[in-house]
N, C-alpha and C. Protein backbone atom coordinates (compact mmCIF):
# COMPACT_ATOMS: atom_id res chain seq x y z
N LEU A 1 0.85 -1.14 0.00
CA LEU A 1 0.00 -0.06 0.11
C LEU A 1 0.85 1.44 -0.01
N PHE A 2 1.92 1.33 0.89
CA PHE A 2 2.71 2.28 0.94
C PHE A 2 3.47 2.42 -0.29
N ARG A 3 4.05 1.66 -1.02
CA ARG A 3 4.77 1.70 -2.34
C ARG A 3 3.85 2.09 -3.35
N SER A 4 2.62 1.45 -3.42
CA SER A 4 1.56 2.19 -4.48
C SER A 4 1.55 3.49 -4.38
N LYS A 5 1.40 4.08 -2.99
CA LYS A 5 1.10 5.56 -3.06
C LYS A 5 2.41 6.20 -3.39
N LYS A 6 3.55 5.90 -2.97
CA LYS A 6 4.67 6.27 -3.39
C LYS A 6 4.96 6.51 -5.14
N GLU A 7 4.62 5.23 -5.67
CA GLU A 7 4.32 5.12 -7.24
C GLU A 7 3.46 6.05 -7.82
N ASP A 8 2.38 6.16 -7.21
CA ASP A 8 1.12 7.29 -7.65
C ASP A 8 1.77 8.55 -7.72
N GLU A 9 2.38 9.04 -6.42
CA GLU A 9 2.98 10.27 -6.12
C GLU A 9 4.01 10.64 -7.41
N LEU A 10 4.90 9.44 -7.57
CA LEU A 10 5.91 9.65 -8.63
C LEU A 10 5.33 9.83 -10.09
N GLN A 11 4.24 8.95 -10.39
CA GLN A 11 3.66 9.08 -11.77
C GLN A 11 3.01 10.16 -11.80
N SER A 12 2.45 10.97 -10.78
CA SER A 12 1.92 12.32 -10.65
C SER A 12 3.09 13.45 -10.96
N ALA A 13 4.19 13.10 -10.23
CA ALA A 13 5.17 13.91 -10.43
C ALA A 13 5.68 14.13 -11.86
N LEU A 14 5.79 13.03 -12.44
CA LEU A 14 6.33 12.90 -13.90
C LEU A 14 5.15 13.48 -14.68
N ALA A 15 3.88 13.45 -14.65
CA ALA A 15 2.91 13.78 -15.38
C ALA A 15 2.99 15.56 -15.20
N ARG A 16 3.26 15.80 -14.09
CA ARG A 16 3.22 17.25 -13.92
C ARG A 16 4.56 17.99 -14.57
N LEU A 17 5.71 17.27 -14.62
CA LEU A 17 7.12 17.42 -15.25
C LEU A 17 6.42 17.36 -16.98
N GLU A 18 6.03 16.59 -17.42
CA GLU A 18 5.55 16.57 -18.67
C GLU A 18 4.69 17.87 -19.15
N ASP A 19 3.76 18.00 -18.20
CA ASP A 19 2.77 19.43 -18.67
C ASP A 19 3.76 20.50 -18.51
N GLU A 20 4.68 20.61 -17.67
CA GLU A 20 5.63 21.86 -17.64
C GLU A 20 6.58 21.80 -18.79
N LEU A 21 7.00 20.85 -19.25
CA LEU A 21 7.68 20.77 -20.43
C LEU A 21 6.91 21.19 -21.72
N ALA A 22 5.68 20.67 -21.84
CA ALA A 22 4.91 20.98 -22.97
C ALA A 22 4.58 22.49 -22.85
N GLN A 23 4.29 23.10 -21.57
CA GLN A 23 4.17 24.65 -21.57
C GLN A 23 5.59 25.37 -21.94
N LYS A 24 6.48 24.87 -21.59
CA LYS A 24 7.72 25.51 -21.96
C LYS A 24 7.94 25.53 -23.41
N ASN A 25 7.64 24.37 -24.13
CA ASN A 25 7.77 24.25 -25.59
C ASN A 25 6.76 25.08 -26.20
N ASN A 26 5.62 25.22 -25.79
CA ASN A 26 4.49 26.20 -26.25
C ASN A 26 5.05 27.80 -26.07
N ALA A 27 5.66 28.11 -24.93
CA ALA A 27 6.11 29.42 -24.67
C ALA A 27 7.44 29.52 -25.88
N LEU A 28 8.31 28.69 -26.01
CA LEU A 28 9.38 29.05 -26.91
C LEU A 28 8.76 29.22 -28.37
N LYS A 29 7.66 28.33 -28.63
CA LYS A 29 7.13 28.62 -29.97
C LYS A 29 6.60 29.89 -30.08
N LYS A 30 5.78 30.47 -29.04
CA LYS A 30 5.33 31.85 -29.09
C LYS A 30 6.30 32.81 -29.28
N ILE A 31 7.58 32.59 -28.40
CA ILE A 31 8.72 33.53 -28.70
C ILE A 31 9.06 33.70 -30.26
N ARG A 32 9.37 32.53 -30.89
CA ARG A 32 9.71 32.43 -31.96
C ARG A 32 8.59 33.14 -33.11
N GLU A 33 7.20 33.26 -32.67
CA GLU A 33 6.42 33.72 -33.44
C GLU A 33 6.35 35.34 -33.24
N LEU A 34 6.78 35.61 -32.06
CA LEU A 34 6.82 37.11 -31.86
C LEU A 34 7.88 37.75 -32.30
N GLU A 35 9.01 36.86 -32.27
CA GLU A 35 10.18 37.33 -33.19
C GLU A 35 9.82 37.73 -34.59
N GLY A 36 9.13 36.72 -35.22
CA GLY A 36 9.07 36.82 -36.65
C GLY A 36 8.00 38.09 -36.95
N HIS A 37 7.04 38.35 -35.81
CA HIS A 37 6.38 39.55 -35.91
C HIS A 37 7.11 40.63 -35.94
N ILE A 38 8.11 40.80 -34.88
CA ILE A 38 8.84 41.94 -34.94
C ILE A 38 9.68 42.24 -36.26
N SER A 39 10.05 41.36 -36.73
CA SER A 39 10.89 41.26 -38.09
C SER A 39 9.90 41.89 -39.03
N ASP A 40 8.48 41.53 -39.19
CA ASP A 40 7.80 42.02 -40.17
C ASP A 40 7.56 43.59 -40.14
N LEU A 41 7.25 43.84 -38.68
CA LEU A 41 7.04 45.33 -38.24
C LEU A 41 8.12 46.25 -38.73
N GLN A 42 9.32 45.57 -38.69
CA GLN A 42 10.85 46.22 -38.84
C GLN A 42 10.72 46.40 -40.41
N GLU A 43 10.28 45.51 -41.22
CA GLU A 43 10.24 45.38 -42.82
C GLU A 43 9.29 46.58 -43.04
N ASP A 44 8.07 46.68 -42.40
CA ASP A 44 7.14 47.73 -42.69
C ASP A 44 7.73 49.03 -42.43
N LEU A 45 8.39 49.09 -41.25
CA LEU A 45 8.93 50.50 -40.92
C LEU A 45 10.25 51.04 -41.86
N GLU A 46 10.91 50.03 -42.49
CA GLU A 46 11.61 50.35 -43.64
C GLU A 46 10.84 50.78 -44.75
N ALA A 47 9.86 50.02 -45.27
CA ALA A 47 9.01 50.55 -46.26
C ALA A 47 8.55 51.87 -46.30
N GLU A 48 8.02 52.39 -45.05
CA GLU A 48 7.58 53.61 -44.36
C GLU A 48 8.67 54.66 -44.84
N ARG A 49 9.95 54.28 -44.29
CA ARG A 49 10.93 55.18 -44.45
C ARG A 49 11.18 55.58 -45.93
N SER A 50 11.42 54.39 -46.73
CA SER A 50 11.54 54.63 -47.96
C SER A 50 10.37 55.24 -48.65
N ALA A 51 9.21 55.16 -48.29
CA ALA A 51 8.02 56.13 -48.90
C ALA A 51 8.27 57.65 -48.51
N ARG A 52 8.81 57.69 -47.30
CA ARG A 52 9.00 59.16 -46.83
C ARG A 52 9.90 59.64 -47.62
N ASN A 53 11.11 59.03 -47.73
CA ASN A 53 12.10 59.51 -48.39
C ASN A 53 11.68 59.86 -50.07
N LYS A 54 10.85 58.96 -50.58
CA LYS A 54 10.44 59.42 -51.94
C LYS A 54 9.58 60.73 -51.71
N ALA A 55 8.76 60.80 -50.99
CA ALA A 55 7.83 62.05 -50.75
C ALA A 55 8.58 63.09 -50.51
N GLU A 56 9.69 63.04 -49.68
CA GLU A 56 10.63 64.16 -49.35
C GLU A 56 11.47 64.62 -50.80
N LYS A 57 11.78 63.76 -51.50
CA LYS A 57 12.50 63.93 -52.77
C LYS A 57 11.51 64.51 -53.75
N LEU A 58 10.42 64.17 -53.68
CA LEU A 58 9.25 64.79 -54.67
C LEU A 58 9.07 66.15 -54.32
N LYS A 59 8.94 66.38 -52.74
CA LYS A 59 8.79 67.64 -52.40
C LYS A 59 9.90 68.66 -53.02
N ARG A 60 11.22 68.08 -52.78
CA ARG A 60 12.17 68.92 -53.28
C ARG A 60 12.16 69.28 -54.59
N ASP A 61 11.82 68.33 -55.53
CA ASP A 61 11.70 68.42 -56.92
C ASP A 61 10.71 69.42 -57.44
N LEU A 62 9.57 69.28 -56.69
CA LEU A 62 8.40 70.30 -57.03
C LEU A 62 8.81 71.60 -56.45
N GLY A 63 9.35 71.64 -55.28
CA GLY A 63 10.20 72.97 -54.87
C GLY A 63 11.08 73.62 -55.85
N GLU A 64 12.16 72.83 -56.48
CA GLU A 64 12.88 73.45 -57.52
C GLU A 64 12.13 73.84 -58.62
N GLU A 65 10.96 72.96 -58.91
CA GLU A 65 10.18 73.41 -60.26
C GLU A 65 9.67 74.52 -60.02
N LEU A 66 9.16 74.77 -58.87
CA LEU A 66 8.45 75.91 -58.33
C LEU A 66 9.32 77.18 -58.42
N GLU A 67 10.53 76.90 -58.03
CA GLU A 67 11.61 78.12 -57.94
C GLU A 67 11.84 78.51 -59.32
N ALA A 68 11.99 77.37 -60.08
CA ALA A 68 12.34 77.61 -61.77
C ALA A 68 11.16 78.32 -62.41
N LEU A 69 9.90 78.02 -62.00
CA LEU A 69 8.86 78.59 -62.64
C LEU A 69 8.82 80.10 -62.33
N LYS A 70 8.93 80.33 -60.74
CA LYS A 70 9.17 81.63 -60.42
C LYS A 70 10.29 82.53 -61.12
N THR A 71 11.58 82.09 -61.49
CA THR A 71 12.28 82.62 -61.76
C THR A 71 12.29 82.94 -63.28
N GLU A 72 11.46 81.89 -63.92
CA GLU A 72 11.22 82.08 -65.41
C GLU A 72 10.26 83.24 -65.59
N LEU A 73 9.32 83.14 -64.64
CA LEU A 73 8.09 83.98 -64.78
C LEU A 73 8.70 85.48 -64.45
N GLU A 74 9.67 85.68 -63.63
CA GLU A 74 10.24 86.83 -63.29
C GLU A 74 11.02 87.48 -64.52
N ASP A 75 11.83 86.44 -65.15
CA ASP A 75 12.58 86.90 -66.55
C ASP A 75 11.83 87.39 -67.35
N THR A 76 10.60 86.50 -67.74
CA THR A 76 9.86 86.95 -68.83
C THR A 76 8.90 88.12 -68.51
N LEU A 77 8.75 88.47 -67.28
CA LEU A 77 7.82 89.57 -66.99
C LEU A 77 7.79 90.63 -67.70
N ASP A 78 6.85 91.32 -68.33
CA ASP A 78 6.83 92.27 -69.34
C ASP A 78 5.42 93.30 -69.13
N SER A 79 5.52 94.19 -69.43
CA SER A 79 4.31 95.18 -68.94
C SER A 79 3.06 95.16 -70.00
N THR A 80 3.00 94.17 -71.14
CA THR A 80 1.97 94.08 -71.81
C THR A 80 1.01 93.37 -71.29
N ALA A 81 -0.04 93.28 -71.82
CA ALA A 81 -1.34 92.73 -71.34
C ALA A 81 -1.07 91.26 -71.59
N THR A 82 -0.62 90.50 -72.59
CA THR A 82 -0.32 89.13 -72.94
C THR A 82 0.35 88.59 -71.87
N GLN A 83 1.70 89.35 -71.36
CA GLN A 83 2.57 88.84 -70.71
C GLN A 83 1.96 88.96 -69.03
N GLN A 84 1.14 90.00 -68.85
CA GLN A 84 0.52 89.97 -67.53
C GLN A 84 -0.29 88.90 -67.38
N GLU A 85 -1.32 88.33 -68.39
CA GLU A 85 -2.03 87.31 -68.31
C GLU A 85 -1.27 86.11 -68.08
N LEU A 86 -0.12 86.13 -68.71
CA LEU A 86 0.80 84.99 -68.53
C LEU A 86 1.26 84.68 -67.09
N ARG A 87 1.61 85.78 -66.61
CA ARG A 87 2.22 86.02 -65.28
C ARG A 87 1.16 85.53 -64.24
N THR A 88 -0.06 86.04 -64.63
CA THR A 88 -1.24 85.36 -63.63
C THR A 88 -1.64 84.07 -63.65
N LYS A 89 -1.49 83.60 -64.88
CA LYS A 89 -1.65 82.10 -65.21
C LYS A 89 -0.58 81.31 -64.28
N ARG A 90 0.78 81.82 -64.57
CA ARG A 90 1.81 80.97 -63.89
C ARG A 90 1.84 81.14 -62.32
N GLU A 91 1.32 82.21 -61.78
CA GLU A 91 0.96 82.47 -60.40
C GLU A 91 -0.01 81.41 -59.93
N GLN A 92 -1.12 81.50 -60.74
CA GLN A 92 -2.20 80.27 -60.38
C GLN A 92 -1.77 79.11 -60.34
N GLU A 93 -0.83 78.54 -61.36
CA GLU A 93 -0.22 77.35 -61.33
C GLU A 93 0.59 76.91 -60.25
N VAL A 94 1.53 78.25 -59.81
CA VAL A 94 2.30 77.92 -58.72
C VAL A 94 1.38 77.93 -57.36
N THR A 95 0.34 78.54 -57.28
CA THR A 95 -0.49 78.54 -56.22
C THR A 95 -1.14 77.06 -55.99
N VAL A 96 -1.67 76.48 -57.16
CA VAL A 96 -2.08 75.11 -57.40
C VAL A 96 -0.97 73.99 -56.92
N LEU A 97 -0.08 74.19 -57.54
CA LEU A 97 0.99 73.28 -56.99
C LEU A 97 1.35 73.32 -55.55
N LYS A 98 1.62 74.79 -54.90
CA LYS A 98 2.08 74.73 -53.51
C LYS A 98 0.74 74.08 -52.68
N ARG A 99 -0.49 74.40 -52.97
CA ARG A 99 -1.55 73.68 -52.36
C ARG A 99 -1.53 72.18 -52.46
N ALA A 100 -1.11 71.66 -53.80
CA ALA A 100 -1.00 70.17 -53.83
C ALA A 100 0.16 69.65 -52.93
N LEU A 101 1.22 70.46 -53.09
CA LEU A 101 2.42 69.99 -52.14
C LEU A 101 1.89 69.84 -50.82
N ASP A 102 1.67 71.12 -50.16
CA ASP A 102 1.13 71.18 -48.96
C ASP A 102 0.20 69.96 -48.41
N GLU A 103 -0.93 69.86 -49.20
CA GLU A 103 -1.83 68.56 -48.94
C GLU A 103 -1.08 67.31 -48.89
N GLU A 104 -0.26 66.95 -50.06
CA GLU A 104 0.39 65.73 -49.99
C GLU A 104 1.27 65.76 -48.90
N THR A 105 2.17 66.81 -48.26
CA THR A 105 2.94 66.81 -47.18
C THR A 105 2.04 66.43 -45.70
N ARG A 106 0.94 67.18 -46.02
CA ARG A 106 0.06 67.00 -44.73
C ARG A 106 -0.49 65.62 -44.63
N VAL A 107 -0.95 64.95 -45.72
CA VAL A 107 -1.48 63.74 -45.67
C VAL A 107 -0.26 62.55 -45.41
N HIS A 108 0.97 62.83 -46.05
CA HIS A 108 2.03 61.99 -45.74
C HIS A 108 2.56 62.10 -44.30
N GLU A 109 2.56 63.16 -43.77
CA GLU A 109 2.96 63.29 -42.36
C GLU A 109 2.01 62.44 -41.19
N ALA A 110 0.51 62.62 -41.80
CA ALA A 110 -0.53 62.11 -41.01
C ALA A 110 -0.16 60.35 -41.03
N GLN A 111 0.08 60.02 -42.50
CA GLN A 111 0.26 58.43 -42.42
C GLN A 111 1.43 58.07 -41.80
N VAL A 112 2.66 58.92 -41.74
CA VAL A 112 3.80 58.53 -40.99
C VAL A 112 3.54 58.44 -39.48
N GLN A 113 2.74 59.43 -38.90
CA GLN A 113 2.42 59.42 -37.37
C GLN A 113 1.67 58.33 -37.28
N GLU A 114 0.72 57.97 -38.01
CA GLU A 114 -0.13 56.78 -37.81
C GLU A 114 0.58 55.52 -37.79
N MET A 115 1.58 55.42 -38.77
CA MET A 115 2.48 54.25 -38.87
C MET A 115 3.47 54.19 -37.53
N ARG A 116 3.82 55.48 -37.36
CA ARG A 116 4.87 55.16 -35.97
C ARG A 116 4.02 54.79 -34.81
N GLN A 117 2.69 55.44 -34.58
CA GLN A 117 1.73 55.03 -33.34
C GLN A 117 1.40 53.37 -33.45
N LYS A 118 1.01 52.90 -34.68
CA LYS A 118 0.93 51.63 -34.84
C LYS A 118 2.12 50.84 -34.50
N HIS A 119 3.21 51.13 -35.10
CA HIS A 119 4.50 50.43 -34.58
C HIS A 119 4.94 50.30 -33.24
N THR A 120 4.60 51.65 -32.62
CA THR A 120 5.18 51.73 -31.25
C THR A 120 4.20 50.88 -30.35
N GLN A 121 2.89 50.74 -30.79
CA GLN A 121 1.69 49.99 -30.08
C GLN A 121 2.16 48.58 -30.12
N ALA A 122 2.44 48.27 -31.35
CA ALA A 122 2.76 46.72 -31.71
C ALA A 122 4.04 46.43 -31.02
N VAL A 123 5.04 47.21 -31.03
CA VAL A 123 6.49 46.71 -30.24
C VAL A 123 6.14 46.78 -28.64
N GLU A 124 5.22 47.53 -28.24
CA GLU A 124 4.98 47.66 -26.87
C GLU A 124 4.00 46.31 -26.31
N GLU A 125 3.06 45.92 -27.44
CA GLU A 125 2.42 44.78 -27.15
C GLU A 125 3.25 43.48 -27.19
N LEU A 126 4.36 43.48 -28.20
CA LEU A 126 5.06 42.15 -28.36
C LEU A 126 5.94 42.41 -27.13
N SER A 127 6.52 43.52 -26.61
CA SER A 127 7.47 43.47 -25.36
C SER A 127 6.93 42.94 -24.22
N GLU A 128 5.35 43.21 -24.11
CA GLU A 128 4.65 42.64 -22.85
C GLU A 128 4.33 41.31 -23.20
N GLN A 129 4.07 40.99 -24.36
CA GLN A 129 3.85 39.49 -24.35
C GLN A 129 5.37 38.58 -24.46
N LEU A 130 6.42 39.04 -24.77
CA LEU A 130 7.67 38.58 -24.53
C LEU A 130 7.95 38.49 -23.02
N GLU A 131 7.46 39.63 -22.19
CA GLU A 131 7.91 39.74 -20.75
C GLU A 131 7.15 38.34 -20.27
N GLN A 132 5.66 38.39 -20.63
CA GLN A 132 5.08 37.20 -19.89
C GLN A 132 5.57 35.92 -20.40
N VAL A 133 6.18 35.53 -21.60
CA VAL A 133 6.58 34.32 -21.79
C VAL A 133 7.93 33.98 -21.23
N LYS A 134 8.62 35.16 -20.88
CA LYS A 134 9.75 35.08 -20.01
C LYS A 134 9.51 34.75 -18.55
N ARG A 135 8.24 35.28 -18.11
CA ARG A 135 7.88 34.91 -16.70
C ARG A 135 7.47 33.39 -16.84
N VAL A 136 6.68 33.17 -17.64
CA VAL A 136 6.24 31.79 -17.85
C VAL A 136 7.55 30.72 -17.61
N ARG A 137 8.30 31.21 -18.56
CA ARG A 137 9.62 30.67 -18.85
C ARG A 137 10.43 30.16 -17.42
N VAL A 138 10.45 31.25 -16.51
CA VAL A 138 11.15 31.29 -15.34
C VAL A 138 10.47 30.33 -14.34
N ASN A 139 9.10 30.70 -14.15
CA ASN A 139 8.00 29.77 -13.61
C ASN A 139 8.15 28.23 -13.76
N LEU A 140 8.31 28.00 -14.96
CA LEU A 140 8.28 26.54 -15.78
C LEU A 140 9.60 26.04 -15.09
N GLU A 141 10.76 26.73 -15.33
CA GLU A 141 12.18 26.20 -14.90
C GLU A 141 12.05 25.99 -13.26
N LYS A 142 11.26 26.78 -12.36
CA LYS A 142 11.41 26.49 -10.95
C LYS A 142 10.42 25.40 -10.77
N SER A 143 9.35 25.27 -11.43
CA SER A 143 8.53 24.07 -11.14
C SER A 143 9.28 22.68 -11.63
N LYS A 144 10.12 22.85 -12.78
CA LYS A 144 10.75 21.70 -13.21
C LYS A 144 11.92 21.29 -12.02
N GLN A 145 12.49 22.38 -11.65
CA GLN A 145 13.53 22.11 -10.49
C GLN A 145 12.96 21.54 -9.34
N THR A 146 11.69 22.11 -8.86
CA THR A 146 10.99 21.45 -7.84
C THR A 146 10.61 19.87 -8.34
N LEU A 147 10.09 19.59 -9.30
CA LEU A 147 9.43 18.45 -9.43
C LEU A 147 10.73 17.30 -9.77
N GLU A 148 12.07 17.79 -10.20
CA GLU A 148 13.04 17.06 -10.37
C GLU A 148 13.66 16.77 -8.84
N LYS A 149 13.65 17.82 -7.90
CA LYS A 149 14.05 17.48 -6.73
C LYS A 149 13.19 16.32 -5.78
N GLU A 150 11.64 16.61 -6.21
CA GLU A 150 11.01 15.73 -5.68
C GLU A 150 11.04 14.26 -6.10
N ASN A 151 11.29 14.16 -7.45
CA ASN A 151 11.53 12.83 -8.18
C ASN A 151 12.76 12.17 -7.61
N SER A 152 13.80 13.04 -7.46
CA SER A 152 15.15 12.69 -6.88
C SER A 152 14.60 11.89 -5.50
N ASP A 153 13.94 12.87 -4.53
CA ASP A 153 13.71 12.62 -3.05
C ASP A 153 12.99 11.06 -3.15
N LEU A 154 11.90 11.09 -3.90
CA LEU A 154 10.94 9.80 -3.92
C LEU A 154 11.77 8.67 -4.46
N SER A 155 12.81 8.76 -5.36
CA SER A 155 13.77 7.68 -5.83
C SER A 155 14.55 7.22 -4.87
N SER A 156 15.05 8.24 -4.01
CA SER A 156 15.84 7.75 -2.79
C SER A 156 15.16 7.03 -1.68
N GLU A 157 13.82 7.65 -1.55
CA GLU A 157 12.97 6.96 -0.62
C GLU A 157 12.74 5.57 -0.97
N VAL A 158 12.38 5.29 -2.35
CA VAL A 158 11.94 3.96 -2.95
C VAL A 158 13.16 3.20 -2.78
N ARG A 159 14.25 3.53 -2.96
CA ARG A 159 15.45 2.66 -2.92
C ARG A 159 15.64 2.49 -1.25
N SER A 160 15.59 3.43 -0.55
CA SER A 160 15.43 3.08 0.91
C SER A 160 14.42 2.05 1.37
N LEU A 161 13.45 2.17 0.91
CA LEU A 161 12.42 1.34 1.24
C LEU A 161 12.72 -0.24 0.83
N ASN A 162 13.17 -0.40 -0.61
CA ASN A 162 13.60 -1.75 -0.99
C ASN A 162 14.61 -2.25 -0.40
N GLN A 163 15.68 -1.30 0.14
CA GLN A 163 16.54 -2.01 0.82
C GLN A 163 16.18 -2.48 2.20
N SER A 164 15.33 -1.64 2.92
CA SER A 164 14.63 -2.18 4.31
C SER A 164 13.80 -3.26 4.00
N LYS A 165 13.17 -3.39 2.97
CA LYS A 165 12.31 -4.77 2.59
C LYS A 165 13.18 -5.76 2.42
N GLN A 166 14.27 -5.78 1.82
CA GLN A 166 15.31 -6.83 1.61
C GLN A 166 15.93 -7.33 2.82
N GLU A 167 16.26 -6.22 3.89
CA GLU A 167 16.87 -6.53 5.02
C GLU A 167 15.89 -7.39 5.81
N VAL A 168 14.69 -6.79 6.00
CA VAL A 168 13.54 -7.52 6.68
C VAL A 168 13.24 -8.83 6.16
N GLY A 169 13.26 -9.15 4.82
CA GLY A 169 13.37 -10.42 4.27
C GLY A 169 14.46 -11.26 4.27
N HIS A 170 15.59 -10.67 4.55
CA HIS A 170 16.84 -11.75 4.99
C HIS A 170 16.56 -12.11 6.55
N LYS A 171 16.01 -10.94 7.43
CA LYS A 171 15.88 -11.38 8.74
C LYS A 171 14.77 -12.62 9.08
N ILE A 172 13.80 -12.26 8.11
CA ILE A 172 12.59 -13.10 8.22
C ILE A 172 13.11 -14.48 7.90
N GLY A 173 13.99 -14.68 6.75
CA GLY A 173 14.62 -15.85 6.00
C GLY A 173 15.64 -16.33 7.21
N ARG A 174 16.04 -15.66 7.66
CA ARG A 174 17.11 -16.11 8.91
C ARG A 174 16.22 -16.83 10.15
N ALA A 175 15.15 -16.12 10.27
CA ALA A 175 14.47 -16.46 11.53
C ALA A 175 13.78 -18.00 11.42
N HIS A 176 13.38 -18.17 10.26
CA HIS A 176 12.92 -19.45 9.89
C HIS A 176 13.84 -20.73 9.90
């Protein structure tokens, strides 16, 4: 009866150890998934940086074109009515280009800000998940060590009981 109870305890400890190992493996899998997700977010951030650089280049190019148009307008300015009309038309084009550039810049800045917020939020969430996984891993490791100690203690106790049983068996055998 006592041996059966100890064997049951040993089986229970082994089952707990297997459960803890399964949890550890799940946590490691989750860590790999989170690392992949972080890599994807970093790629997204690089793509956004590239898009921002393109937008800034476009802004510079449009600014240079704008300045060129202004210079051309000033160079060709004349007091005749035709030239005055041309000047007005060019100024309107410049104004339209400025508005388009300003709007494009505003939209792009809003997109960049939104991407930054999403990236920051995602990184914070991933960091929290990673911390949780690390805490689980530490707890699993502690549980594993406790179970291994219990297993070792139970094994020692079983050996001791077997030795006592053999000694009692020898004494009984000698008494007969």
